Amino acid sequence: MAIICKQCGEEVDELFSVTVTGRKTKVCEDCLEIIQEQAQIAEESESAIQGMMGFKGKR
């Protein structure tokens, strides 16, 4: 039985469950790394913008 990554469509040996934009999806290890990097970049950029604007609230 072939296991297909929902993100890239490639056939893989193992899938990992990850939440993307509020929805759980199963992706391969390569796509998982890309998603994690994108989430980290988004978090850092949001933090930088809040710092520039002087945001002092909780998130």
PDB file of N, CA and C in Angstrom:
ATOM      1  N   MET A   1       0.845  -1.188   0.000  1.00  0.00           N
ATOM      2  CA  MET A   1       0.000   0.000   0.000  1.00  0.00           C
ATOM      3  C   MET A   1       0.883   1.242   0.000  1.00  0.00           C
ATOM      4  N   ALA A   2       0.664   2.098  -0.949  1.00  0.00           N
ATOM      5  CA  ALA A   2       1.461   3.311  -1.075  1.00  0.00           C
ATOM      6  C   ALA A   2       0.950   4.387  -0.119  1.00  0.00           C
ATOM      7  N   ILE A   3       1.896   5.042   0.539  1.00  0.00           N
ATOM      8  CA  ILE A   3       1.563   6.163   1.422  1.00  0.00           C
ATOM      9  C   ILE A   3       1.947   7.433   0.676  1.00  0.00           C
ATOM     10  N   ILE A   4       0.981   8.339   0.509  1.00  0.00           N
ATOM     11  CA  ILE A   4       1.190   9.555  -0.267  1.00  0.00           C
ATOM     12  C   ILE A   4       1.141  10.771   0.654  1.00  0.00           C
ATOM     13  N   CYS A   5       2.127  11.653   0.514  1.00  0.00           N
ATOM     14  CA  CYS A   5       2.160  12.905   1.269  1.00  0.00           C
ATOM     15  C   CYS A   5       1.054  13.823   0.746  1.00  0.00           C
ATOM     16  N   LYS A   6       0.280  14.414   1.654  1.00  0.00           N
ATOM     17  CA  LYS A   6      -0.818  15.303   1.262  1.00  0.00           C
ATOM     18  C   LYS A   6      -0.313  16.640   0.735  1.00  0.00           C
ATOM     19  N   GLN A   7       0.926  17.019   1.085  1.00  0.00           N
ATOM     20  CA  GLN A   7       1.476  18.310   0.688  1.00  0.00           C
ATOM     21  C   GLN A   7       2.102  18.263  -0.706  1.00  0.00           C
ATOM     22  N   CYS A   8       3.025  17.314  -0.898  1.00  0.00           N
ATOM     23  CA  CYS A   8       3.771  17.289  -2.165  1.00  0.00           C
ATOM     24  C   CYS A   8       3.304  16.192  -3.123  1.00  0.00           C
ATOM     25  N   GLY A   9       2.533  15.215  -2.615  1.00  0.00           N
ATOM     26  CA  GLY A   9       2.021  14.159  -3.475  1.00  0.00           C
ATOM     27  C   GLY A   9       3.001  13.035  -3.750  1.00  0.00           C
ATOM     28  N   GLU A  10       4.157  13.056  -3.087  1.00  0.00           N
ATOM     29  CA  GLU A  10       5.168  12.014  -3.286  1.00  0.00           C
ATOM     30  C   GLU A  10       4.829  10.775  -2.466  1.00  0.00           C
ATOM     31  N   GLU A  11       5.261   9.627  -2.940  1.00  0.00           N
ATOM     32  CA  GLU A  11       5.097   8.383  -2.203  1.00  0.00           C
ATOM     33  C   GLU A  11       6.232   8.287  -1.189  1.00  0.00           C
ATOM     34  N   VAL A  12       5.885   8.051   0.093  1.00  0.00           N
ATOM     35  CA  VAL A  12       6.876   8.036   1.170  1.00  0.00           C
ATOM     36  C   VAL A  12       6.682   6.804   2.049  1.00  0.00           C
ATOM     37  N   ASP A  13       7.669   6.552   2.921  1.00  0.00           N
ATOM     38  CA  ASP A  13       7.610   5.426   3.849  1.00  0.00           C
ATOM     39  C   ASP A  13       6.829   5.771   5.111  1.00  0.00           C
ATOM     40  N   GLU A  14       6.899   7.053   5.539  1.00  0.00           N
ATOM     41  CA  GLU A  14       6.301   7.450   6.810  1.00  0.00           C
ATOM     42  C   GLU A  14       5.690   8.837   6.689  1.00  0.00           C
ATOM     43  N   LEU A  15       4.539   9.034   7.337  1.00  0.00           N
ATOM     44  CA  LEU A  15       3.882  10.339   7.367  1.00  0.00           C
ATOM     45  C   LEU A  15       3.864  10.873   8.793  1.00  0.00           C
ATOM     46  N   PHE A  16       3.874  12.193   8.911  1.00  0.00           N
ATOM     47  CA  PHE A  16       3.820  12.860  10.203  1.00  0.00           C
ATOM     48  C   PHE A  16       2.587  13.745  10.227  1.00  0.00           C
ATOM     49  N   SER A  17       1.893  13.761  11.349  1.00  0.00           N
ATOM     50  CA  SER A  17       0.692  14.573  11.496  1.00  0.00           C
ATOM     51  C   SER A  17       1.086  15.967  11.961  1.00  0.00           C
ATOM     52  N   VAL A  18       0.586  16.994  11.278  1.00  0.00           N
ATOM     53  CA  VAL A  18       0.903  18.375  11.612  1.00  0.00           C
ATOM     54  C   VAL A  18      -0.337  19.233  11.391  1.00  0.00           C
ATOM     55  N   THR A  19      -0.482  20.291  12.179  1.00  0.00           N
ATOM     56  CA  THR A  19      -1.604  21.203  12.022  1.00  0.00           C
ATOM     57  C   THR A  19      -1.146  22.392  11.184  1.00  0.00           C
ATOM     58  N   VAL A  20      -1.836  22.627  10.077  1.00  0.00           N
ATOM     59  CA  VAL A  20      -1.525  23.737   9.171  1.00  0.00           C
ATOM     60  C   VAL A  20      -2.791  24.562   9.019  1.00  0.00           C
ATOM     61  N   THR A  21      -2.706  25.825   9.356  1.00  0.00           N
ATOM     62  CA  THR A  21      -3.840  26.760   9.301  1.00  0.00           C
ATOM     63  C   THR A  21      -5.097  26.171   9.947  1.00  0.00           C
ATOM     64  N   GLY A  22      -4.897  25.575  11.119  1.00  0.00           N
ATOM     65  CA  GLY A  22      -6.029  25.046  11.876  1.00  0.00           C
ATOM     66  C   GLY A  22      -6.548  23.692  11.439  1.00  0.00           C
ATOM     67  N   ARG A  23      -5.917  23.066  10.468  1.00  0.00           N
ATOM     68  CA  ARG A  23      -6.367  21.752   9.980  1.00  0.00           C
ATOM     69  C   ARG A  23      -5.220  20.749  10.099  1.00  0.00           C
ATOM     70  N   LYS A  24      -5.545  19.561  10.593  1.00  0.00           N
ATOM     71  CA  LYS A  24      -4.526  18.507  10.688  1.00  0.00           C
ATOM     72  C   LYS A  24      -4.344  17.872   9.318  1.00  0.00           C
ATOM     73  N   THR A  25      -3.091  17.643   8.977  1.00  0.00           N
ATOM     74  CA  THR A  25      -2.772  16.989   7.718  1.00  0.00           C
ATOM     75  C   THR A  25      -1.570  16.082   7.930  1.00  0.00           C
ATOM     76  N   LYS A  26      -1.410  15.105   7.066  1.00  0.00           N
ATOM     77  CA  LYS A  26      -0.288  14.182   7.165  1.00  0.00           C
ATOM     78  C   LYS A  26       0.676  14.469   6.025  1.00  0.00           C
ATOM     79  N   VAL A  27       1.927  14.724   6.409  1.00  0.00           N
ATOM     80  CA  VAL A  27       2.941  15.107   5.431  1.00  0.00           C
ATOM     81  C   VAL A  27       4.206  14.280   5.628  1.00  0.00           C
ATOM     82  N   CYS A  28       5.067  14.292   4.612  1.00  0.00           N
ATOM     83  CA  CYS A  28       6.343  13.588   4.696  1.00  0.00           C
ATOM     84  C   CYS A  28       7.329  14.407   5.529  1.00  0.00           C
ATOM     85  N   GLU A  29       8.476  13.825   5.815  1.00  0.00           N
ATOM     86  CA  GLU A  29       9.473  14.481   6.660  1.00  0.00           C
ATOM     87  C   GLU A  29       9.991  15.768   6.021  1.00  0.00           C
ATOM     88  N   ASP A  30      10.204  15.770   4.707  1.00  0.00           N
ATOM     89  CA  ASP A  30      10.698  16.966   4.021  1.00  0.00           C
ATOM     90  C   ASP A  30       9.692  18.113   4.125  1.00  0.00           C
ATOM     91  N   CYS A  31       8.426  17.819   3.878  1.00  0.00           N
ATOM     92  CA  CYS A  31       7.385  18.846   3.961  1.00  0.00           C
ATOM     93  C   CYS A  31       7.222  19.327   5.401  1.00  0.00           C
ATOM     94  N   LEU A  32       7.378  18.425   6.361  1.00  0.00           N
ATOM     95  CA  LEU A  32       7.282  18.785   7.772  1.00  0.00           C
ATOM     96  C   LEU A  32       8.344  19.811   8.126  1.00  0.00           C
ATOM     97  N   GLU A  33       9.570  19.600   7.670  1.00  0.00           N
ATOM     98  CA  GLU A  33      10.658  20.548   7.934  1.00  0.00           C
ATOM     99  C   GLU A  33      10.358  21.909   7.318  1.00  0.00           C
ATOM    100  N   ILE A  34       9.834  21.918   6.107  1.00  0.00           N
ATOM    101  CA  ILE A  34       9.501  23.177   5.431  1.00  0.00           C
ATOM    102  C   ILE A  34       8.405  23.911   6.194  1.00  0.00           C
ATOM    103  N   ILE A  35       7.380  23.197   6.633  1.00  0.00           N
ATOM    104  CA  ILE A  35       6.270  23.800   7.373  1.00  0.00           C
ATOM    105  C   ILE A  35       6.769  24.380   8.688  1.00  0.00           C
ATOM    106  N   GLN A  36       7.643  23.649   9.385  1.00  0.00           N
ATOM    107  CA  GLN A  36       8.182  24.133  10.650  1.00  0.00           C
ATOM    108  C   GLN A  36       9.028  25.385  10.447  1.00  0.00           C
ATOM    109  N   GLU A  37       9.835  25.421   9.376  1.00  0.00           N
ATOM    110  CA  GLU A  37      10.643  26.596   9.082  1.00  0.00           C
ATOM    111  C   GLU A  37       9.761  27.800   8.783  1.00  0.00           C
ATOM    112  N   GLN A  38       8.706  27.603   8.001  1.00  0.00           N
ATOM    113  CA  GLN A  38       7.797  28.691   7.666  1.00  0.00           C
ATOM    114  C   GLN A  38       7.097  29.230   8.911  1.00  0.00           C
ATOM    115  N   ALA A  39       6.716  28.334   9.825  1.00  0.00           N
ATOM    116  CA  ALA A  39       6.055  28.752  11.060  1.00  0.00           C
ATOM    117  C   ALA A  39       7.013  29.555  11.932  1.00  0.00           C
ATOM    118  N   GLN A  40       8.264  29.136  11.984  1.00  0.00           N
ATOM    119  CA  GLN A  40       9.254  29.849  12.783  1.00  0.00           C
ATOM    120  C   GLN A  40       9.519  31.238  12.203  1.00  0.00           C
ATOM    121  N   ILE A  41       9.625  31.343  10.897  1.00  0.00           N
ATOM    122  CA  ILE A  41       9.841  32.635  10.238  1.00  0.00           C
ATOM    123  C   ILE A  41       8.659  33.559  10.491  1.00  0.00           C
ATOM    124  N   ALA A  42       7.444  33.025  10.382  1.00  0.00           N
ATOM    125  CA  ALA A  42       6.244  33.829  10.618  1.00  0.00           C
ATOM    126  C   ALA A  42       6.207  34.337  12.056  1.00  0.00           C
ATOM    127  N   GLU A  43       6.571  33.489  12.999  1.00  0.00           N
ATOM    128  CA  GLU A  43       6.564  33.880  14.412  1.00  0.00           C
ATOM    129  C   GLU A  43       7.604  34.969  14.673  1.00  0.00           C
ATOM    130  N   GLU A  44       8.796  34.809  14.104  1.00  0.00           N
ATOM    131  CA  GLU A  44       9.849  35.800  14.297  1.00  0.00           C
ATOM    132  C   GLU A  44       9.493  37.133  13.652  1.00  0.00           C
ATOM    133  N   SER A  45       8.886  37.106  12.472  1.00  0.00           N
ATOM    134  CA  SER A  45       8.517  38.357  11.811  1.00  0.00           C
ATOM    135  C   SER A  45       7.396  39.058  12.560  1.00  0.00           C
ATOM    136  N   GLU A  46       6.446  38.293  13.106  1.00  0.00           N
ATOM    137  CA  GLU A  46       5.379  38.896  13.898  1.00  0.00           C
ATOM    138  C   GLU A  46       5.961  39.553  15.140  1.00  0.00           C
ATOM    139  N   SER A  47       6.910  38.890  15.772  1.00  0.00           N
ATOM    140  CA  SER A  47       7.561  39.434  16.963  1.00  0.00           C
ATOM    141  C   SER A  47       8.308  40.720  16.628  1.00  0.00           C
ATOM    142  N   ALA A  48       9.000  40.740  15.497  1.00  0.00           N
ATOM    143  CA  ALA A  48       9.743  41.934  15.086  1.00  0.00           C
ATOM    144  C   ALA A  48       8.793  43.100  14.825  1.00  0.00           C
ATOM    145  N   ILE A  49       7.689  42.841  14.155  1.00  0.00           N
ATOM    146  CA  ILE A  49       6.708  43.896  13.861  1.00  0.00           C
ATOM    147  C   ILE A  49       6.110  44.439  15.156  1.00  0.00           C
ATOM    148  N   GLN A  50       5.763  43.521  16.075  1.00  0.00           N
ATOM    149  CA  GLN A  50       5.201  43.956  17.349  1.00  0.00           C
ATOM    150  C   GLN A  50       6.220  44.795  18.119  1.00  0.00           C
ATOM    151  N   GLY A  51       7.486  44.408  18.055  1.00  0.00           N
ATOM    152  CA  GLY A  51       8.546  45.177  18.715  1.00  0.00           C
ATOM    153  C   GLY A  51       8.664  46.568  18.133  1.00  0.00           C
ATOM    154  N   MET A  52       8.585  46.701  16.818  1.00  0.00           N
ATOM    155  CA  MET A  52       8.664  48.012  16.171  1.00  0.00           C
ATOM    156  C   MET A  52       7.471  48.890  16.531  1.00  0.00           C
ATOM    157  N   MET A  53       6.320  48.257  16.727  1.00  0.00           N
ATOM    158  CA  MET A  53       5.099  49.013  17.034  1.00  0.00           C
ATOM    159  C   MET A  53       4.943  49.247  18.531  1.00  0.00           C
ATOM    160  N   GLY A  54       5.815  48.662  19.346  1.00  0.00           N
ATOM    161  CA  GLY A  54       5.734  48.857  20.785  1.00  0.00           C
ATOM    162  C   GLY A  54       4.630  48.068  21.447  1.00  0.00           C
ATOM    163  N   PHE A  55       4.222  46.954  20.859  1.00  0.00           N
ATOM    164  CA  PHE A  55       3.167  46.111  21.417  1.00  0.00           C
ATOM    165  C   PHE A  55       3.648  45.492  22.715  1.00  0.00           C
ATOM    166  N   LYS A  56       2.894  45.681  23.790  1.00  0.00           N
ATOM    167  CA  LYS A  56       3.300  45.157  25.089  1.00  0.00           C
ATOM    168  C   LYS A  56       2.306  44.148  25.649  1.00  0.00           C
ATOM    169  N   GLY A  57       1.280  43.795  24.905  1.00  0.00           N
ATOM    170  CA  GLY A  57       0.259  42.854  25.371  1.00  0.00           C
ATOM    171  C   GLY A  57       0.713  41.419  25.303  1.00  0.00           C
ATOM    172  N   LYS A  58      -0.141  40.537  25.757  1.00  0.00           N
ATOM    173  CA  LYS A  58       0.153  39.101  25.709  1.00  0.00           C
ATOM    174  C   LYS A  58      -0.401  38.501  24.434  1.00  0.00           C
ATOM    175  N   ARG A  59       0.281  37.487  23.960  1.00  0.00           N
ATOM    176  CA  ARG A  59      -0.181  36.829  22.739  1.00  0.00           C
ATOM    177  C   ARG A  59      -0.322  35.389  22.978  1.00  0.00           C
TER     178      ARG A  59
END
